[in-house]
Amino acid sequence: MELSAKDDLLKSYLDSHKSRADRLAVCIINVMGSMVFYQR
């Protein structure tokens, strides 16, 4: 039971890390898009 609890904790940590990385990627895409927009 302790091992499954650790697996759940690791899975939730990876899920939160992945969502954070996705938000960072969206932020970078928005910044690059706005830079291209301002260069026109």
PDB file of N, CA and C in Angstrom:
ATOM      1  N   MET A   1       0.844  -1.202   0.000  1.00  0.00           N
ATOM      2  CA  MET A   1       0.000   0.000   0.000  1.00  0.00           C
ATOM      3  C   MET A   1       0.882   1.256   0.000  1.00  0.00           C
ATOM      4  N   GLU A   2       2.011   1.189   0.712  1.00  0.00           N
ATOM      5  CA  GLU A   2       2.891   2.356   0.741  1.00  0.00           C
ATOM      6  C   GLU A   2       3.480   2.608  -0.649  1.00  0.00           C
ATOM      7  N   LEU A   3       3.796   1.532  -1.358  1.00  0.00           N
ATOM      8  CA  LEU A   3       4.382   1.682  -2.689  1.00  0.00           C
ATOM      9  C   LEU A   3       3.378   2.338  -3.635  1.00  0.00           C
ATOM     10  N   SER A   4       2.100   1.924  -3.580  1.00  0.00           N
ATOM     11  CA  SER A   4       1.095   2.519  -4.468  1.00  0.00           C
ATOM     12  C   SER A   4       0.898   3.996  -4.120  1.00  0.00           C
ATOM     13  N   ALA A   5       0.994   4.329  -2.828  1.00  0.00           N
ATOM     14  CA  ALA A   5       0.852   5.740  -2.435  1.00  0.00           C
ATOM     15  C   ALA A   5       2.006   6.540  -3.019  1.00  0.00           C
ATOM     16  N   LYS A   6       3.211   5.972  -3.008  1.00  0.00           N
ATOM     17  CA  LYS A   6       4.355   6.669  -3.595  1.00  0.00           C
ATOM     18  C   LYS A   6       4.160   6.831  -5.097  1.00  0.00           C
ATOM     19  N   ASP A   7       3.632   5.782  -5.746  1.00  0.00           N
ATOM     20  CA  ASP A   7       3.393   5.868  -7.191  1.00  0.00           C
ATOM     21  C   ASP A   7       2.373   6.961  -7.502  1.00  0.00           C
ATOM     22  N   ASP A   8       1.334   7.055  -6.680  1.00  0.00           N
ATOM     23  CA  ASP A   8       0.319   8.098  -6.896  1.00  0.00           C
ATOM     24  C   ASP A   8       0.942   9.484  -6.721  1.00  0.00           C
ATOM     25  N   LEU A   9       1.811   9.623  -5.720  1.00  0.00           N
ATOM     26  CA  LEU A   9       2.456  10.906  -5.475  1.00  0.00           C
ATOM     27  C   LEU A   9       3.350  11.273  -6.655  1.00  0.00           C
ATOM     28  N   LEU A  10       4.105  10.292  -7.144  1.00  0.00           N
ATOM     29  CA  LEU A  10       4.988  10.541  -8.286  1.00  0.00           C
ATOM     30  C   LEU A  10       4.174  10.898  -9.526  1.00  0.00           C
ATOM     31  N   LYS A  11       3.057  10.185  -9.725  1.00  0.00           N
ATOM     32  CA  LYS A  11       2.215  10.456 -10.896  1.00  0.00           C
ATOM     33  C   LYS A  11       1.614  11.861 -10.817  1.00  0.00           C
ATOM     34  N   SER A  12       1.151  12.258  -9.639  1.00  0.00           N
ATOM     35  CA  SER A  12       0.567  13.597  -9.492  1.00  0.00           C
ATOM     36  C   SER A  12       1.655  14.654  -9.687  1.00  0.00           C
ATOM     37  N   TYR A  13       2.872  14.363  -9.205  1.00  0.00           N
ATOM     38  CA  TYR A  13       3.968  15.319  -9.388  1.00  0.00           C
ATOM     39  C   TYR A  13       4.299  15.469 -10.865  1.00  0.00           C
ATOM     40  N   LEU A  14       4.363  14.352 -11.586  1.00  0.00           N
ATOM     41  CA  LEU A  14       4.670  14.415 -13.019  1.00  0.00           C
ATOM     42  C   LEU A  14       3.550  15.130 -13.769  1.00  0.00           C
ATOM     43  N   ASP A  15       2.306  14.880 -13.386  1.00  0.00           N
ATOM     44  CA  ASP A  15       1.171  15.541 -14.055  1.00  0.00           C
ATOM     45  C   ASP A  15       1.244  17.058 -13.844  1.00  0.00           C
ATOM     46  N   SER A  16       1.532  17.489 -12.616  1.00  0.00           N
ATOM     47  CA  SER A  16       1.602  18.933 -12.345  1.00  0.00           C
ATOM     48  C   SER A  16       2.799  19.529 -13.080  1.00  0.00           C
ATOM     49  N   HIS A  17       3.906  18.792 -13.139  1.00  0.00           N
ATOM     50  CA  HIS A  17       5.091  19.300 -13.844  1.00  0.00           C
ATOM     51  C   HIS A  17       4.796  19.427 -15.332  1.00  0.00           C
ATOM     52  N   LYS A  18       4.064  18.460 -15.892  1.00  0.00           N
ATOM     53  CA  LYS A  18       3.733  18.497 -17.311  1.00  0.00           C
ATOM     54  C   LYS A  18       2.819  19.688 -17.615  1.00  0.00           C
ATOM     55  N   SER A  19       1.834  19.923 -16.752  1.00  0.00           N
ATOM     56  CA  SER A  19       0.926  21.055 -16.993  1.00  0.00           C
ATOM     57  C   SER A  19       1.697  22.372 -16.886  1.00  0.00           C
ATOM     58  N   ARG A  20       2.664  22.420 -15.946  1.00  0.00           N
ATOM     59  CA  ARG A  20       3.463  23.637 -15.815  1.00  0.00           C
ATOM     60  C   ARG A  20       4.296  23.839 -17.079  1.00  0.00           C
ATOM     61  N   ALA A  21       4.863  22.772 -17.630  1.00  0.00           N
ATOM     62  CA  ALA A  21       5.664  22.868 -18.852  1.00  0.00           C
ATOM     63  C   ALA A  21       4.777  23.294 -20.024  1.00  0.00           C
ATOM     64  N   ASP A  22       3.541  22.785 -20.060  1.00  0.00           N
ATOM     65  CA  ASP A  22       2.620  23.173 -21.138  1.00  0.00           C
ATOM     66  C   ASP A  22       2.306  24.665 -21.061  1.00  0.00           C
ATOM     67  N   ARG A  23       2.084  25.170 -19.845  1.00  0.00           N
ATOM     68  CA  ARG A  23       1.801  26.606 -19.705  1.00  0.00           C
ATOM     69  C   ARG A  23       3.019  27.423 -20.120  1.00  0.00           C
ATOM     70  N   LEU A  24       4.220  26.935 -19.791  1.00  0.00           N
ATOM     71  CA  LEU A  24       5.436  27.652 -20.182  1.00  0.00           C
ATOM     72  C   LEU A  24       5.556  27.677 -21.701  1.00  0.00           C
ATOM     73  N   ALA A  25       5.251  26.556 -22.350  1.00  0.00           N
ATOM     74  CA  ALA A  25       5.321  26.499 -23.815  1.00  0.00           C
ATOM     75  C   ALA A  25       4.306  27.466 -24.429  1.00  0.00           C
ATOM     76  N   VAL A  26       3.102  27.512 -23.882  1.00  0.00           N
ATOM     77  CA  VAL A  26       2.078  28.435 -24.401  1.00  0.00           C
ATOM     78  C   VAL A  26       2.539  29.876 -24.219  1.00  0.00           C
ATOM     79  N   CYS A  27       3.169  30.175 -23.079  1.00  0.00           N
ATOM     80  CA  CYS A  27       3.659  31.532 -22.821  1.00  0.00           C
ATOM     81  C   CYS A  27       4.741  31.896 -23.839  1.00  0.00           C
ATOM     82  N   ILE A  28       5.668  30.965 -24.096  1.00  0.00           N
ATOM     83  CA  ILE A  28       6.741  31.230 -25.059  1.00  0.00           C
ATOM     84  C   ILE A  28       6.162  31.445 -26.452  1.00  0.00           C
ATOM     85  N   ILE A  29       5.184  30.627 -26.834  1.00  0.00           N
ATOM     86  CA  ILE A  29       4.556  30.771 -28.158  1.00  0.00           C
ATOM     87  C   ILE A  29       3.868  32.137 -28.259  1.00  0.00           C
ATOM     88  N   ASN A  30       3.194  32.560 -27.183  1.00  0.00           N
ATOM     89  CA  ASN A  30       2.528  33.871 -27.203  1.00  0.00           C
ATOM     90  C   ASN A  30       3.547  34.997 -27.339  1.00  0.00           C
ATOM     91  N   VAL A  31       4.652  34.901 -26.611  1.00  0.00           N
ATOM     92  CA  VAL A  31       5.681  35.950 -26.684  1.00  0.00           C
ATOM     93  C   VAL A  31       6.284  35.998 -28.084  1.00  0.00           C
ATOM     94  N   MET A  32       6.600  34.846 -28.647  1.00  0.00           N
ATOM     95  CA  MET A  32       7.184  34.827 -29.998  1.00  0.00           C
ATOM     96  C   MET A  32       6.183  35.368 -31.017  1.00  0.00           C
ATOM     97  N   GLY A  33       4.918  35.004 -30.867  1.00  0.00           N
ATOM     98  CA  GLY A  33       3.898  35.495 -31.790  1.00  0.00           C
ATOM     99  C   GLY A  33       3.748  37.011 -31.693  1.00  0.00           C
ATOM    100  N   SER A  34       3.792  37.553 -30.470  1.00  0.00           N
ATOM    101  CA  SER A  34       3.668  38.999 -30.321  1.00  0.00           C
ATOM    102  C   SER A  34       4.913  39.699 -30.861  1.00  0.00           C
ATOM    103  N   MET A  35       6.088  39.102 -30.719  1.00  0.00           N
ATOM    104  CA  MET A  35       7.307  39.703 -31.265  1.00  0.00           C
ATOM    105  C   MET A  35       7.222  39.772 -32.787  1.00  0.00           C
ATOM    106  N   VAL A  36       6.750  38.692 -33.403  1.00  0.00           N
ATOM    107  CA  VAL A  36       6.596  38.684 -34.866  1.00  0.00           C
ATOM    108  C   VAL A  36       5.564  39.726 -35.278  1.00  0.00           C
ATOM    109  N   PHE A  37       4.493  39.850 -34.484  1.00  0.00           N
ATOM    110  CA  PHE A  37       3.443  40.819 -34.801  1.00  0.00           C
ATOM    111  C   PHE A  37       3.989  42.251 -34.734  1.00  0.00           C
ATOM    112  N   TYR A  38       4.823  42.532 -33.719  1.00  0.00           N
ATOM    113  CA  TYR A  38       5.351  43.895 -33.569  1.00  0.00           C
ATOM    114  C   TYR A  38       6.409  44.206 -34.621  1.00  0.00           C
ATOM    115  N   GLN A  39       7.091  43.181 -35.152  1.00  0.00           N
ATOM    116  CA  GLN A  39       8.136  43.429 -36.146  1.00  0.00           C
ATOM    117  C   GLN A  39       7.551  43.842 -37.492  1.00  0.00           C
ATOM    118  N   ARG A  40       6.283  43.507 -37.724  1.00  0.00           N
ATOM    119  CA  ARG A  40       5.697  43.843 -39.027  1.00  0.00           C
ATOM    120  C   ARG A  40       5.565  45.346 -39.206  1.00  0.00           C
TER     121      ARG A  40
END
